[in-house]
PDB file of N, CA and C in Angstrom:
ATOM      1  N   UNK A   1     144.609  23.720 103.088  1.00  0.00           N
ATOM      2  CA  UNK A   1     143.972  24.892 103.661  1.00  0.00           C
ATOM      3  C   UNK A   1     143.492  25.774 102.507  1.00  0.00           C
ATOM      4  N   UNK A   2     142.236  26.229 102.614  1.00  0.00           N
ATOM      5  CA  UNK A   2     141.737  27.101 101.559  1.00  0.00           C
ATOM      6  C   UNK A   2     142.147  28.547 101.819  1.00  0.00           C
ATOM      7  N   UNK A   3     141.995  29.376 100.818  1.00  0.00           N
ATOM      8  CA  UNK A   3     142.440  30.778 100.899  1.00  0.00           C
ATOM      9  C   UNK A   3     141.704  31.553 101.986  1.00  0.00           C
ATOM     10  N   UNK A   4     140.414  31.277 102.175  1.00  0.00           N
ATOM     11  CA  UNK A   4     139.640  31.999 103.191  1.00  0.00           C
ATOM     12  C   UNK A   4     140.219  31.746 104.581  1.00  0.00           C
ATOM     13  N   UNK A   5     140.566  30.510 104.858  1.00  0.00           N
ATOM     14  CA  UNK A   5     141.174  30.209 106.166  1.00  0.00           C
ATOM     15  C   UNK A   5     142.556  30.827 106.280  1.00  0.00           C
ATOM     16  N   UNK A   6     143.321  30.699 105.222  1.00  0.00           N
ATOM     17  CA  UNK A   6     144.678  31.216 105.239  1.00  0.00           C
ATOM     18  C   UNK A   6     144.696  32.725 105.499  1.00  0.00           C
ATOM     19  N   UNK A   7     143.821  33.466 104.794  1.00  0.00           N
ATOM     20  CA  UNK A   7     143.783  34.919 104.946  1.00  0.00           C
ATOM     21  C   UNK A   7     142.808  35.381 106.031  1.00  0.00           C
ATOM     22  N   UNK A   8     142.134  34.425 106.662  1.00  0.00           N
ATOM     23  CA  UNK A   8     141.175  34.707 107.729  1.00  0.00           C
ATOM     24  C   UNK A   8     140.108  35.710 107.272  1.00  0.00           C
ATOM     25  N   UNK A   9     139.465  35.363 106.162  1.00  0.00           N
ATOM     26  CA  UNK A   9     138.396  36.193 105.602  1.00  0.00           C
ATOM     27  C   UNK A   9     137.138  35.344 105.451  1.00  0.00           C
ATOM     28  N   UNK A  10     135.966  35.982 105.474  1.00  0.00           N
ATOM     29  CA  UNK A  10     134.715  35.240 105.319  1.00  0.00           C
ATOM     30  C   UNK A  10     134.620  34.605 103.934  1.00  0.00           C
ATOM     31  N   UNK A  11     133.917  33.500 103.883  1.00  0.00           N
ATOM     32  CA  UNK A  11     133.726  32.782 102.621  1.00  0.00           C
ATOM     33  C   UNK A  11     132.283  32.343 102.510  1.00  0.00           C
ATOM     34  N   UNK A  12     131.700  32.554 101.354  1.00  0.00           N
ATOM     35  CA  UNK A  12     130.351  32.068 101.064  1.00  0.00           C
ATOM     36  C   UNK A  12     130.422  31.313  99.753  1.00  0.00           C
ATOM     37  N   UNK A  13     129.888  30.114  99.744  1.00  0.00           N
ATOM     38  CA  UNK A  13     129.853  29.320  98.517  1.00  0.00           C
ATOM     39  C   UNK A  13     128.408  29.239  98.060  1.00  0.00           C
ATOM     40  N   UNK A  14     128.150  29.769  96.886  1.00  0.00           N
ATOM     41  CA  UNK A  14     126.812  29.740  96.301  1.00  0.00           C
ATOM     42  C   UNK A  14     126.679  28.445  95.522  1.00  0.00           C
ATOM     43  N   UNK A  15     125.776  27.599  95.963  1.00  0.00           N
ATOM     44  CA  UNK A  15     125.571  26.295  95.349  1.00  0.00           C
ATOM     45  C   UNK A  15     124.427  26.392  94.349  1.00  0.00           C
ATOM     46  N   UNK A  16     124.695  26.021  93.111  1.00  0.00           N
ATOM     47  CA  UNK A  16     123.632  26.007  92.104  1.00  0.00           C
ATOM     48  C   UNK A  16     123.489  24.587  91.568  1.00  0.00           C
ATOM     49  N   UNK A  17     122.266  24.156  91.347  1.00  0.00           N
ATOM     50  CA  UNK A  17     122.050  22.790  90.861  1.00  0.00           C
ATOM     51  C   UNK A  17     122.446  22.644  89.398  1.00  0.00           C
ATOM     52  N   UNK A  18     122.870  21.450  89.036  1.00  0.00           N
ATOM     53  CA  UNK A  18     123.163  21.156  87.640  1.00  0.00           C
ATOM     54  C   UNK A  18     121.839  20.909  86.936  1.00  0.00           C
ATOM     55  N   UNK A  19     121.626  21.564  85.837  1.00  0.00           N
ATOM     56  CA  UNK A  19     120.372  21.414  85.084  1.00  0.00           C
ATOM     57  C   UNK A  19     120.618  20.537  83.863  1.00  0.00           C
ATOM     58  N   UNK A  20     120.038  19.348  83.877  1.00  0.00           N
ATOM     59  CA  UNK A  20     120.234  18.407  82.768  1.00  0.00           C
ATOM     60  C   UNK A  20     119.449  18.824  81.534  1.00  0.00           C
ATOM     61  N   UNK A  21     118.188  19.213  81.736  1.00  0.00           N
ATOM     62  CA  UNK A  21     117.347  19.554  80.580  1.00  0.00           C
ATOM     63  C   UNK A  21     116.695  20.922  80.705  1.00  0.00           C
ATOM     64  N   UNK A  22     116.253  21.262  81.899  1.00  0.00           N
ATOM     65  CA  UNK A  22     115.586  22.556  82.082  1.00  0.00           C
ATOM     66  C   UNK A  22     115.785  23.052  83.510  1.00  0.00           C
ATOM     67  N   UNK A  23     115.602  24.335  83.664  1.00  0.00           N
ATOM     68  CA  UNK A  23     115.708  24.958  84.987  1.00  0.00           C
ATOM     69  C   UNK A  23     114.336  24.848  85.639  1.00  0.00           C
ATOM     70  N   UNK A  24     114.178  23.897  86.537  1.00  0.00           N
ATOM     71  CA  UNK A  24     112.879  23.609  87.134  1.00  0.00           C
ATOM     72  C   UNK A  24     112.504  24.652  88.182  1.00  0.00           C
ATOM     73  N   UNK A  25     111.234  24.647  88.551  1.00  0.00           N
ATOM     74  CA  UNK A  25     110.755  25.553  89.593  1.00  0.00           C
ATOM     75  C   UNK A  25     111.451  25.237  90.919  1.00  0.00           C
ATOM     76  N   UNK A  26     111.675  23.960  91.169  1.00  0.00           N
ATOM     77  CA  UNK A  26     112.377  23.545  92.395  1.00  0.00           C
ATOM     78  C   UNK A  26     113.807  24.100  92.412  1.00  0.00           C
ATOM     79  N   UNK A  27     114.496  24.026  91.281  1.00  0.00           N
ATOM     80  CA  UNK A  27     115.853  24.563  91.183  1.00  0.00           C
ATOM     81  C   UNK A  27     115.836  26.079  91.370  1.00  0.00           C
ATOM     82  N   UNK A  28     114.849  26.732  90.793  1.00  0.00           N
ATOM     83  CA  UNK A  28     114.725  28.193  90.922  1.00  0.00           C
ATOM     84  C   UNK A  28     114.557  28.587  92.389  1.00  0.00           C
ATOM     85  N   UNK A  29     113.697  27.859  93.107  1.00  0.00           N
ATOM     86  CA  UNK A  29     113.479  28.148  94.530  1.00  0.00           C
ATOM     87  C   UNK A  29     114.755  27.908  95.334  1.00  0.00           C
ATOM     88  N   UNK A  30     115.485  26.854  94.983  1.00  0.00           N
ATOM     89  CA  UNK A  30     116.730  26.535  95.675  1.00  0.00           C
ATOM     90  C   UNK A  30     117.754  27.657  95.480  1.00  0.00           C
ATOM     91  N   UNK A  31     117.904  28.114  94.246  1.00  0.00           N
ATOM     92  CA  UNK A  31     118.857  29.186  93.956  1.00  0.00           C
ATOM     93  C   UNK A  31     118.416  30.475  94.646  1.00  0.00           C
ATOM     94  N   UNK A  32     117.118  30.746  94.643  1.00  0.00           N
ATOM     95  CA  UNK A  32     116.619  31.957  95.306  1.00  0.00           C
ATOM     96  C   UNK A  32     116.967  31.935  96.797  1.00  0.00           C
ATOM     97  N   UNK A  33     116.783  30.770  97.437  1.00  0.00           N
ATOM     98  CA  UNK A  33     117.144  30.661  98.858  1.00  0.00           C
ATOM     99  C   UNK A  33     118.634  30.902  99.058  1.00  0.00           C
ATOM    100  N   UNK A  34     119.429  30.375  98.147  1.00  0.00           N
ATOM    101  CA  UNK A  34     120.879  30.587  98.227  1.00  0.00           C
ATOM    102  C   UNK A  34     121.213  32.080  98.127  1.00  0.00           C
ATOM    103  N   UNK A  35     120.563  32.772  97.214  1.00  0.00           N
ATOM    104  CA  UNK A  35     120.822  34.208  97.043  1.00  0.00           C
ATOM    105  C   UNK A  35     120.364  34.984  98.266  1.00  0.00           C
ATOM    106  N   UNK A  36     119.224  34.612  98.830  1.00  0.00           N
ATOM    107  CA  UNK A  36     118.750  35.277 100.051  1.00  0.00           C
ATOM    108  C   UNK A  36     119.744  35.068 101.197  1.00  0.00           C
ATOM    109  N   UNK A  37     120.293  33.858 101.305  1.00  0.00           N
ATOM    110  CA  UNK A  37     121.308  33.590 102.326  1.00  0.00           C
ATOM    111  C   UNK A  37     122.573  34.401 102.052  1.00  0.00           C
ATOM    112  N   UNK A  38     122.919  34.546 100.783  1.00  0.00           N
ATOM    113  CA  UNK A  38     124.102  35.320 100.407  1.00  0.00           C
ATOM    114  C   UNK A  38     123.928  36.792 100.783  1.00  0.00           C
ATOM    115  N   UNK A  39     122.735  37.326 100.567  1.00  0.00           N
ATOM    116  CA  UNK A  39     122.459  38.718 100.937  1.00  0.00           C
ATOM    117  C   UNK A  39     122.625  38.894 102.446  1.00  0.00           C
ATOM    118  N   UNK A  40     122.073  37.964 103.219  1.00  0.00           N
ATOM    119  CA  UNK A  40     122.228  38.032 104.681  1.00  0.00           C
ATOM    120  C   UNK A  40     123.706  37.961 105.081  1.00  0.00           C
ATOM    121  N   UNK A  41     124.445  37.082 104.425  1.00  0.00           N
ATOM    122  CA  UNK A  41     125.877  36.949 104.676  1.00  0.00           C
ATOM    123  C   UNK A  41     126.598  38.272 104.401  1.00  0.00           C
ATOM    124  N   UNK A  42     126.319  38.881 103.253  1.00  0.00           N
ATOM    125  CA  UNK A  42     126.969  40.147 102.894  1.00  0.00           C
ATOM    126  C   UNK A  42     126.587  41.264 103.853  1.00  0.00           C
ATOM    127  N   UNK A  43     125.322  41.302 104.253  1.00  0.00           N
ATOM    128  CA  UNK A  43     124.887  42.332 105.193  1.00  0.00           C
ATOM    129  C   UNK A  43     125.622  42.197 106.520  1.00  0.00           C
ATOM    130  N   UNK A  44     125.826  40.967 106.942  1.00  0.00           N
ATOM    131  CA  UNK A  44     126.530  40.738 108.203  1.00  0.00           C
ATOM    132  C   UNK A  44     128.011  41.112 108.078  1.00  0.00           C
ATOM    133  N   UNK A  45     128.652  40.686 106.999  1.00  0.00           N
ATOM    134  CA  UNK A  45     130.071  40.958 106.802  1.00  0.00           C
ATOM    135  C   UNK A  45     130.317  42.449 106.605  1.00  0.00           C
ATOM    136  N   UNK A  46     129.460  43.096 105.809  1.00  0.00           N
ATOM    137  CA  UNK A  46     129.651  44.520 105.492  1.00  0.00           C
ATOM    138  C   UNK A  46     129.048  45.447 106.548  1.00  0.00           C
ATOM    139  N   UNK A  47     128.232  44.872 107.431  1.00  0.00           N
ATOM    140  CA  UNK A  47     127.545  45.689 108.449  1.00  0.00           C
ATOM    141  C   UNK A  47     126.707  46.789 107.790  1.00  0.00           C
ATOM    142  N   UNK A  48     126.037  46.398 106.713  1.00  0.00           N
ATOM    143  CA  UNK A  48     125.235  47.350 105.954  1.00  0.00           C
ATOM    144  C   UNK A  48     124.082  46.603 105.287  1.00  0.00           C
ATOM    145  N   UNK A  49     122.897  47.193 105.306  1.00  0.00           N
ATOM    146  CA  UNK A  49     121.739  46.587 104.659  1.00  0.00           C
ATOM    147  C   UNK A  49     121.856  46.715 103.146  1.00  0.00           C
ATOM    148  N   UNK A  50     121.344  45.712 102.449  1.00  0.00           N
ATOM    149  CA  UNK A  50     121.377  45.755 100.997  1.00  0.00           C
ATOM    150  C   UNK A  50     120.413  46.812 100.481  1.00  0.00           C
ATOM    151  N   UNK A  51     120.842  47.530  99.475  1.00  0.00           N
ATOM    152  CA  UNK A  51     120.012  48.526  98.806  1.00  0.00           C
ATOM    153  C   UNK A  51     119.336  47.824  97.621  1.00  0.00           C
ATOM    154  N   UNK A  52     118.046  47.496  97.768  1.00  0.00           N
ATOM    155  CA  UNK A  52     117.335  46.731  96.737  1.00  0.00           C
ATOM    156  C   UNK A  52     117.223  47.516  95.433  1.00  0.00           C
ATOM    157  N   UNK A  53     117.079  48.833  95.506  1.00  0.00           N
ATOM    158  CA  UNK A  53     117.019  49.643  94.284  1.00  0.00           C
ATOM    159  C   UNK A  53     118.337  49.564  93.520  1.00  0.00           C
ATOM    160  N   UNK A  54     119.435  49.600  94.256  1.00  0.00           N
ATOM    161  CA  UNK A  54     120.761  49.503  93.634  1.00  0.00           C
ATOM    162  C   UNK A  54     120.938  48.129  93.000  1.00  0.00           C
ATOM    163  N   UNK A  55     120.421  47.109  93.672  1.00  0.00           N
ATOM    164  CA  UNK A  55     120.509  45.757  93.135  1.00  0.00           C
ATOM    165  C   UNK A  55     119.742  45.641  91.823  1.00  0.00           C
ATOM    166  N   UNK A  56     118.587  46.278  91.746  1.00  0.00           N
ATOM    167  CA  UNK A  56     117.812  46.269  90.507  1.00  0.00           C
ATOM    168  C   UNK A  56     118.596  46.949  89.383  1.00  0.00           C
ATOM    169  N   UNK A  57     119.274  48.036  89.715  1.00  0.00           N
ATOM    170  CA  UNK A  57     120.077  48.753  88.724  1.00  0.00           C
ATOM    171  C   UNK A  57     121.199  47.855  88.201  1.00  0.00           C
ATOM    172  N   UNK A  58     121.857  47.150  89.096  1.00  0.00           N
ATOM    173  CA  UNK A  58     122.937  46.245  88.701  1.00  0.00           C
ATOM    174  C   UNK A  58     122.379  45.107  87.848  1.00  0.00           C
ATOM    175  N   UNK A  59     121.202  44.599  88.213  1.00  0.00           N
ATOM    176  CA  UNK A  59     120.556  43.548  87.423  1.00  0.00           C
ATOM    177  C   UNK A  59     120.250  44.009  86.010  1.00  0.00           C
ATOM    178  N   UNK A  60     119.791  45.251  85.874  1.00  0.00           N
ATOM    179  CA  UNK A  60     119.499  45.801  84.542  1.00  0.00           C
ATOM    180  C   UNK A  60     120.780  45.895  83.719  1.00  0.00           C
ATOM    181  N   UNK A  61     121.885  46.276  84.353  1.00  0.00           N
ATOM    182  CA  UNK A  61     123.165  46.328  83.641  1.00  0.00           C
ATOM    183  C   UNK A  61     123.575  44.942  83.157  1.00  0.00           C
ATOM    184  N   UNK A  62     123.273  43.931  83.951  1.00  0.00           N
ATOM    185  CA  UNK A  62     123.594  42.566  83.562  1.00  0.00           C
ATOM    186  C   UNK A  62     122.803  42.161  82.326  1.00  0.00           C
ATOM    187  N   UNK A  63     121.517  42.520  82.297  1.00  0.00           N
ATOM    188  CA  UNK A  63     120.681  42.210  81.131  1.00  0.00           C
ATOM    189  C   UNK A  63     121.207  42.953  79.905  1.00  0.00           C
ATOM    190  N   UNK A  64     121.602  44.214  80.081  1.00  0.00           N
ATOM    191  CA  UNK A  64     122.183  44.974  78.981  1.00  0.00           C
ATOM    192  C   UNK A  64     123.428  44.266  78.449  1.00  0.00           C
ATOM    193  N   UNK A  65     124.183  43.670  79.335  1.00  0.00           N
ATOM    194  CA  UNK A  65     125.386  42.947  78.925  1.00  0.00           C
ATOM    195  C   UNK A  65     125.060  41.765  78.047  1.00  0.00           C
ATOM    196  N   UNK A  66     123.954  41.079  78.333  1.00  0.00           N
ATOM    197  CA  UNK A  66     123.544  39.961  77.486  1.00  0.00           C
ATOM    198  C   UNK A  66     123.176  40.459  76.102  1.00  0.00           C
ATOM    199  N   UNK A  67     122.522  41.617  76.025  1.00  0.00           N
ATOM    200  CA  UNK A  67     122.189  42.209  74.733  1.00  0.00           C
ATOM    201  C   UNK A  67     123.456  42.512  73.958  1.00  0.00           C
ATOM    202  N   UNK A  68     124.457  42.990  74.659  1.00  0.00           N
ATOM    203  CA  UNK A  68     125.742  43.334  74.050  1.00  0.00           C
ATOM    204  C   UNK A  68     126.397  42.084  73.463  1.00  0.00           C
ATOM    205  N   UNK A  69     126.306  40.972  74.158  1.00  0.00           N
ATOM    206  CA  UNK A  69     126.911  39.732  73.676  1.00  0.00           C
ATOM    207  C   UNK A  69     126.310  39.324  72.340  1.00  0.00           C
ATOM    208  N   UNK A  70     125.016  39.538  72.164  1.00  0.00           N
ATOM    209  CA  UNK A  70     124.371  39.217  70.889  1.00  0.00           C
ATOM    210  C   UNK A  70     124.932  40.051  69.751  1.00  0.00           C
ATOM    211  N   UNK A  71     125.202  41.308  70.031  1.00  0.00           N
ATOM    212  CA  UNK A  71     125.806  42.181  69.015  1.00  0.00           C
ATOM    213  C   UNK A  71     127.198  41.665  68.664  1.00  0.00           C
ATOM    214  N   UNK A  72     127.964  41.301  69.662  1.00  0.00           N
ATOM    215  CA  UNK A  72     129.322  40.801  69.414  1.00  0.00           C
ATOM    216  C   UNK A  72     129.303  39.508  68.600  1.00  0.00           C
ATOM    217  N   UNK A  73     128.278  38.679  68.810  1.00  0.00           N
ATOM    218  CA  UNK A  73     128.178  37.422  68.066  1.00  0.00           C
ATOM    219  C   UNK A  73     128.038  37.643  66.564  1.00  0.00           C
ATOM    220  N   UNK A  74     127.541  38.805  66.155  1.00  0.00           N
ATOM    221  CA  UNK A  74     127.378  39.066  64.725  1.00  0.00           C
ATOM    222  C   UNK A  74     128.730  39.167  64.013  1.00  0.00           C
ATOM    223  N   UNK A  75     129.814  39.322  64.765  1.00  0.00           N
ATOM    224  CA  UNK A  75     131.145  39.404  64.160  1.00  0.00           C
ATOM    225  C   UNK A  75     131.554  38.079  63.520  1.00  0.00           C
ATOM    226  N   UNK A  76     130.845  36.995  63.803  1.00  0.00           N
ATOM    227  CA  UNK A  76     131.168  35.695  63.214  1.00  0.00           C
ATOM    228  C   UNK A  76     130.685  35.595  61.767  1.00  0.00           C
ATOM    229  N   UNK A  77     129.770  36.492  61.372  1.00  0.00           N
ATOM    230  CA  UNK A  77     129.227  36.449  60.013  1.00  0.00           C
ATOM    231  C   UNK A  77     130.242  36.944  58.998  1.00  0.00           C
ATOM    232  N   UNK A  78     130.099  36.465  57.767  1.00  0.00           N
ATOM    233  CA  UNK A  78     130.952  36.941  56.674  1.00  0.00           C
ATOM    234  C   UNK A  78     130.044  37.474  55.589  1.00  0.00           C
ATOM    235  N   UNK A  79     130.164  38.733  55.251  1.00  0.00           N
ATOM    236  CA  UNK A  79     131.052  39.722  55.858  1.00  0.00           C
ATOM    237  C   UNK A  79     130.543  40.119  57.239  1.00  0.00           C
ATOM    238  N   UNK A  80     131.473  40.441  58.122  1.00  0.00           N
ATOM    239  CA  UNK A  80     131.126  40.818  59.499  1.00  0.00           C
ATOM    240  C   UNK A  80     130.709  42.289  59.528  1.00  0.00           C
ATOM    241  N   UNK A  81     129.623  42.595  60.270  1.00  0.00           N
ATOM    242  CA  UNK A  81     129.163  43.979  60.352  1.00  0.00           C
ATOM    243  C   UNK A  81     130.038  44.861  61.246  1.00  0.00           C
ATOM    244  N   UNK A  82     130.967  44.235  61.992  1.00  0.00           N
ATOM    245  CA  UNK A  82     131.871  45.029  62.815  1.00  0.00           C
ATOM    246  C   UNK A  82     133.234  44.363  62.863  1.00  0.00           C
ATOM    247  N   UNK A  83     134.240  45.173  63.078  1.00  0.00           N
ATOM    248  CA  UNK A  83     135.623  44.673  63.103  1.00  0.00           C
ATOM    249  C   UNK A  83     136.007  44.246  64.517  1.00  0.00           C
ATOM    250  N   UNK A  84     137.188  43.668  64.632  1.00  0.00           N
ATOM    251  CA  UNK A  84     137.698  43.290  65.949  1.00  0.00           C
ATOM    252  C   UNK A  84     137.858  44.529  66.825  1.00  0.00           C
ATOM    253  N   UNK A  85     138.269  45.643  66.210  1.00  0.00           N
ATOM    254  CA  UNK A  85     138.411  46.891  66.961  1.00  0.00           C
ATOM    255  C   UNK A  85     137.057  47.340  67.518  1.00  0.00           C
ATOM    256  N   UNK A  86     136.003  47.255  66.682  1.00  0.00           N
ATOM    257  CA  UNK A  86     134.655  47.622  67.141  1.00  0.00           C
ATOM    258  C   UNK A  86     134.234  46.740  68.312  1.00  0.00           C
ATOM    259  N   UNK A  87     134.455  45.429  68.165  1.00  0.00           N
ATOM    260  CA  UNK A  87     134.076  44.481  69.217  1.00  0.00           C
ATOM    261  C   UNK A  87     134.837  44.787  70.504  1.00  0.00           C
ATOM    262  N   UNK A  88     136.125  45.071  70.377  1.00  0.00           N
ATOM    263  CA  UNK A  88     136.936  45.393  71.550  1.00  0.00           C
ATOM    264  C   UNK A  88     136.400  46.650  72.241  1.00  0.00           C
ATOM    265  N   UNK A  89     136.057  47.655  71.450  1.00  0.00           N
ATOM    266  CA  UNK A  89     135.524  48.903  72.009  1.00  0.00           C
ATOM    267  C   UNK A  89     134.217  48.668  72.755  1.00  0.00           C
ATOM    268  N   UNK A  90     133.315  47.878  72.141  1.00  0.00           N
ATOM    269  CA  UNK A  90     132.028  47.566  72.787  1.00  0.00           C
ATOM    270  C   UNK A  90     132.269  46.799  74.074  1.00  0.00           C
ATOM    271  N   UNK A  91     133.103  45.757  74.008  1.00  0.00           N
ATOM    272  CA  UNK A  91     133.370  44.905  75.168  1.00  0.00           C
ATOM    273  C   UNK A  91     134.016  45.702  76.301  1.00  0.00           C
ATOM    274  N   UNK A  92     134.990  46.532  75.953  1.00  0.00           N
ATOM    275  CA  UNK A  92     135.688  47.340  76.964  1.00  0.00           C
ATOM    276  C   UNK A  92     134.734  48.304  77.630  1.00  0.00           C
ATOM    277  N   UNK A  93     133.903  48.985  76.835  1.00  0.00           N
ATOM    278  CA  UNK A  93     132.941  49.942  77.400  1.00  0.00           C
ATOM    279  C   UNK A  93     131.985  49.234  78.345  1.00  0.00           C
ATOM    280  N   UNK A  94     131.489  48.072  77.922  1.00  0.00           N
ATOM    281  CA  UNK A  94     130.549  47.308  78.753  1.00  0.00           C
ATOM    282  C   UNK A  94     131.194  46.929  80.075  1.00  0.00           C
ATOM    283  N   UNK A  95     132.411  46.409  80.024  1.00  0.00           N
ATOM    284  CA  UNK A  95     133.067  45.954  81.241  1.00  0.00           C
ATOM    285  C   UNK A  95     133.497  47.103  82.139  1.00  0.00           C
ATOM    286  N   UNK A  96     133.880  48.217  81.554  1.00  0.00           N
ATOM    287  CA  UNK A  96     134.236  49.371  82.380  1.00  0.00           C
ATOM    288  C   UNK A  96     133.026  49.868  83.158  1.00  0.00           C
ATOM    289  N   UNK A  97     131.857  49.909  82.517  1.00  0.00           N
ATOM    290  CA  UNK A  97     130.632  50.322  83.226  1.00  0.00           C
ATOM    291  C   UNK A  97     130.329  49.378  84.371  1.00  0.00           C
ATOM    292  N   UNK A  98     130.371  48.083  84.078  1.00  0.00           N
ATOM    293  CA  UNK A  98     130.081  47.091  85.116  1.00  0.00           C
ATOM    294  C   UNK A  98     131.133  47.145  86.216  1.00  0.00           C
ATOM    295  N   UNK A  99     132.395  47.291  85.837  1.00  0.00           N
ATOM    296  CA  UNK A  99     133.473  47.344  86.826  1.00  0.00           C
ATOM    297  C   UNK A  99     133.336  48.579  87.705  1.00  0.00           C
ATOM    298  N   UNK A 100     132.997  49.706  87.108  1.00  0.00           N
ATOM    299  CA  UNK A 100     132.813  50.924  87.893  1.00  0.00           C
ATOM    300  C   UNK A 100     131.670  50.756  88.888  1.00  0.00           C
ATOM    301  N   UNK A 101     130.573  50.148  88.461  1.00  0.00           N
ATOM    302  CA  UNK A 101     129.435  49.917  89.360  1.00  0.00           C
ATOM    303  C   UNK A 101     129.837  48.973  90.483  1.00  0.00           C
ATOM    304  N   UNK A 102     130.508  47.890  90.132  1.00  0.00           N
ATOM    305  CA  UNK A 102     130.916  46.921  91.144  1.00  0.00           C
ATOM    306  C   UNK A 102     131.906  47.557  92.119  1.00  0.00           C
ATOM    307  N   UNK A 103     132.855  48.319  91.606  1.00  0.00           N
ATOM    308  CA  UNK A 103     133.831  48.990  92.469  1.00  0.00           C
ATOM    309  C   UNK A 103     133.129  49.938  93.430  1.00  0.00           C
ATOM    310  N   UNK A 104     132.121  50.637  92.941  1.00  0.00           N
ATOM    311  CA  UNK A 104     131.365  51.567  93.781  1.00  0.00           C
ATOM    312  C   UNK A 104     130.658  50.822  94.911  1.00  0.00           C
ATOM    313  N   UNK A 105     130.072  49.682  94.588  1.00  0.00           N
ATOM    314  CA  UNK A 105     129.367  48.877  95.599  1.00  0.00           C
ATOM    315  C   UNK A 105     130.364  48.366  96.640  1.00  0.00           C
ATOM    316  N   UNK A 106     131.507  47.865  96.181  1.00  0.00           N
ATOM    317  CA  UNK A 106     132.511  47.335  97.099  1.00  0.00           C
ATOM    318  C   UNK A 106     133.066  48.446  97.986  1.00  0.00           C
ATOM    319  N   UNK A 107     133.365  49.607  97.387  1.00  0.00           N
ATOM    320  CA  UNK A 107     133.875  50.727  98.189  1.00  0.00           C
ATOM    321  C   UNK A 107     132.862  51.121  99.249  1.00  0.00           C
ATOM    322  N   UNK A 108     131.567  51.156  98.888  1.00  0.00           N
ATOM    323  CA  UNK A 108     130.529  51.493  99.848  1.00  0.00           C
ATOM    324  C   UNK A 108     130.490  50.502 100.991  1.00  0.00           C
ATOM    325  N   UNK A 109     130.693  49.244 100.677  1.00  0.00           N
ATOM    326  CA  UNK A 109     130.692  48.197 101.701  1.00  0.00           C
ATOM    327  C   UNK A 109     131.897  48.353 102.612  1.00  0.00           C
ATOM    328  N   UNK A 110     133.049  48.658 102.042  1.00  0.00           N
ATOM    329  CA  UNK A 110     134.273  48.749 102.836  1.00  0.00           C
ATOM    330  C   UNK A 110     134.332  50.009 103.698  1.00  0.00           C
ATOM    331  N   UNK A 111     133.596  51.038 103.328  1.00  0.00           N
ATOM    332  CA  UNK A 111     133.601  52.269 104.115  1.00  0.00           C
ATOM    333  C   UNK A 111     133.026  52.057 105.507  1.00  0.00           C
ATOM    334  N   UNK A 112     132.126  51.111 105.623  1.00  0.00           N
ATOM    335  CA  UNK A 112     131.452  50.877 106.905  1.00  0.00           C
ATOM    336  C   UNK A 112     132.317  50.152 107.882  1.00  0.00           C
TER     337      UNK A 112
END
């Protein structure tokens, strides 16, 4: 028995194709359909319409996170331009921002 059945909670499995060499247009369309289905699923479970502007904001934070990862990668150089403490501070700040945003979205969903 899976956890969703055991706890009697909704479950959505997002299926993404394995990409051997490149992310094809067909794979992109497939993933997009999956995400559209996921949005419908969340709207039904949360009884709330998705806020597309908020989604764009969250997407921008995700891109910022990728930029942050590049900065952290520079710590592998010798001499390193930042210490482990610096990396920890950057990583913690990044995750706290994302966690706060995600918590806000979840709380908004649960209020309904």
